[in-house]
Amino acid sequence: MIYFILSRYTVCYYSVPHTILLDKGMAAELFVGPALTLLSVALLIIVAWKLGKGLVLLLINSVVGMIILILLNYLPFVKITINIWSILIVAIGGIPGIALVVLLSHFGIAF
């Protein structure tokens, strides 16, 4: 039997029964595509893992900062006005952000 193998580059004729022979172009195409896909998926998983850990820590820091801001408002000697700017500073800065808001409020610069 004669087998026809079509490639993007050439048409190969082989007269070997029960086997399909690949030319070098097709072998490279069959290897490179899945290899690049696996490499891309592995890289995406690594980047998502690194970003995920950082985002979770940032989220925890922001939530703790917001809780401290709310609890500080109940103290009689701390007068912090809660507005959009103080919330944004605490949400972005977390615990150091609350320290900045308290200092700015204490010295009368803002809030």
Protein backbone atom coordinates (compact mmCIF):
# COMPACT_ATOMS: atom_id res chain seq x y z
CA MET A 1 0.00 0.00 0.00
CA ILE A 2 1.10 3.54 -0.61
CA TYR A 3 0.45 6.14 2.12
CA PHE A 4 0.18 9.83 1.42
CA ILE A 5 1.21 12.22 4.15
CA LEU A 6 0.38 15.85 3.57
CA SER A 7 2.43 18.51 5.22
CA ARG A 8 2.49 22.25 4.83
CA TYR A 9 5.77 21.94 2.98
CA THR A 10 5.80 18.74 0.96
CA VAL A 11 3.76 15.73 0.00
CA CYS A 12 5.54 12.55 1.04
CA TYR A 13 4.95 9.15 -0.56
CA TYR A 14 5.83 6.09 1.48
CA SER A 15 5.27 2.48 0.60
CA VAL A 16 5.60 0.98 4.06
CA PRO A 17 2.55 -1.01 5.20
CA HIS A 18 0.91 -0.40 8.57
CA THR A 19 3.16 2.48 9.61
CA ILE A 20 3.05 6.17 9.02
CA LEU A 21 6.39 7.87 8.61
CA LEU A 22 6.74 11.54 9.38
CA ASP A 23 9.06 13.92 7.68
CA LYS A 24 11.11 16.33 9.80
CA GLY A 25 8.68 19.21 9.35
CA MET A 26 5.71 17.30 10.70
CA ALA A 27 7.66 15.84 13.60
CA ALA A 28 8.73 19.32 14.66
CA GLU A 29 5.17 20.62 14.35
CA LEU A 30 3.83 17.78 16.45
CA PHE A 31 6.38 18.43 19.19
CA VAL A 32 6.66 22.23 19.29
CA GLY A 33 2.94 23.01 19.60
CA PRO A 34 2.20 20.95 22.73
CA ALA A 35 5.57 21.86 24.26
CA LEU A 36 4.86 25.59 23.92
CA THR A 37 1.36 25.09 25.28
CA LEU A 38 2.64 23.25 28.35
CA LEU A 39 5.33 25.88 28.89
CA SER A 40 2.78 28.70 28.62
CA VAL A 41 0.39 27.02 31.06
CA ALA A 42 3.21 26.39 33.56
CA LEU A 43 4.33 30.02 33.32
CA LEU A 44 0.75 31.24 33.79
CA ILE A 45 0.32 29.05 36.89
CA ILE A 46 3.57 30.34 38.40
CA VAL A 47 2.66 33.99 37.79
CA ALA A 48 -0.86 33.50 39.17
CA TRP A 49 0.56 31.79 42.28
CA LYS A 50 3.05 34.61 42.92
CA LEU A 51 0.45 37.33 42.35
CA GLY A 52 -2.17 35.47 44.35
CA LYS A 53 0.01 35.28 47.45
CA GLY A 54 0.80 38.99 47.22
CA LEU A 55 -2.82 39.97 46.66
CA VAL A 56 -4.01 37.90 49.60
CA LEU A 57 -1.46 39.54 51.90
CA LEU A 58 -2.45 42.99 50.60
CA LEU A 59 -6.11 42.21 51.17
CA ILE A 60 -5.48 41.01 54.73
CA ASN A 61 -3.40 44.12 55.46
CA SER A 62 -6.15 46.38 54.10
CA VAL A 63 -8.93 44.66 56.07
CA VAL A 64 -6.93 44.84 59.31
CA GLY A 65 -6.26 48.53 58.62
CA MET A 66 -9.97 49.21 58.10
CA ILE A 67 -10.88 47.42 61.33
CA ILE A 68 -8.27 49.44 63.24
CA LEU A 69 -9.59 52.68 61.68
CA ILE A 70 -13.11 51.88 62.84
CA LEU A 71 -11.96 50.84 66.33
CA LEU A 72 -9.80 53.96 66.70
CA ASN A 73 -12.83 56.14 66.09
CA TYR A 74 -14.41 54.80 69.30
CA LEU A 75 -11.49 56.04 71.41
CA PRO A 76 -12.26 59.44 72.99
CA PHE A 77 -8.81 60.95 72.40
CA VAL A 78 -8.58 60.08 68.67
CA LYS A 79 -10.65 62.19 66.32
CA ILE A 80 -10.30 60.88 62.78
CA THR A 81 -12.84 61.90 60.20
CA ILE A 82 -13.72 58.91 58.08
CA ASN A 83 -14.05 60.08 54.50
CA ILE A 84 -13.07 58.77 51.08
CA TRP A 85 -9.44 59.93 51.44
CA SER A 86 -8.83 58.28 54.79
CA ILE A 87 -10.47 55.08 53.55
CA LEU A 88 -8.33 55.06 50.39
CA ILE A 89 -5.11 55.68 52.33
CA VAL A 90 -5.93 52.86 54.75
CA ALA A 91 -7.12 50.52 51.98
CA ILE A 92 -3.93 50.99 49.97
CA GLY A 93 -1.51 51.32 52.88
CA GLY A 94 -3.05 48.97 55.40
CA ILE A 95 -1.46 49.25 58.85
CA PRO A 96 1.19 51.82 57.76
CA GLY A 97 -1.67 53.74 56.13
CA ILE A 98 -3.56 53.89 59.44
CA ALA A 99 -0.40 55.18 61.12
CA LEU A 100 -0.18 57.93 58.48
CA VAL A 101 -3.84 58.87 58.91
CA VAL A 102 -3.46 59.01 62.71
CA LEU A 103 -0.35 61.21 62.47
CA LEU A 104 -1.95 63.56 59.94
CA SER A 105 -5.03 63.81 62.11
CA HIS A 106 -3.02 64.35 65.31
CA PHE A 107 -0.97 67.19 63.84
CA GLY A 108 -4.03 68.79 62.25
CA ILE A 109 -2.75 68.51 58.70
CA ALA A 110 -5.69 66.49 57.39
CA PHE A 111 -8.74 64.58 58.57
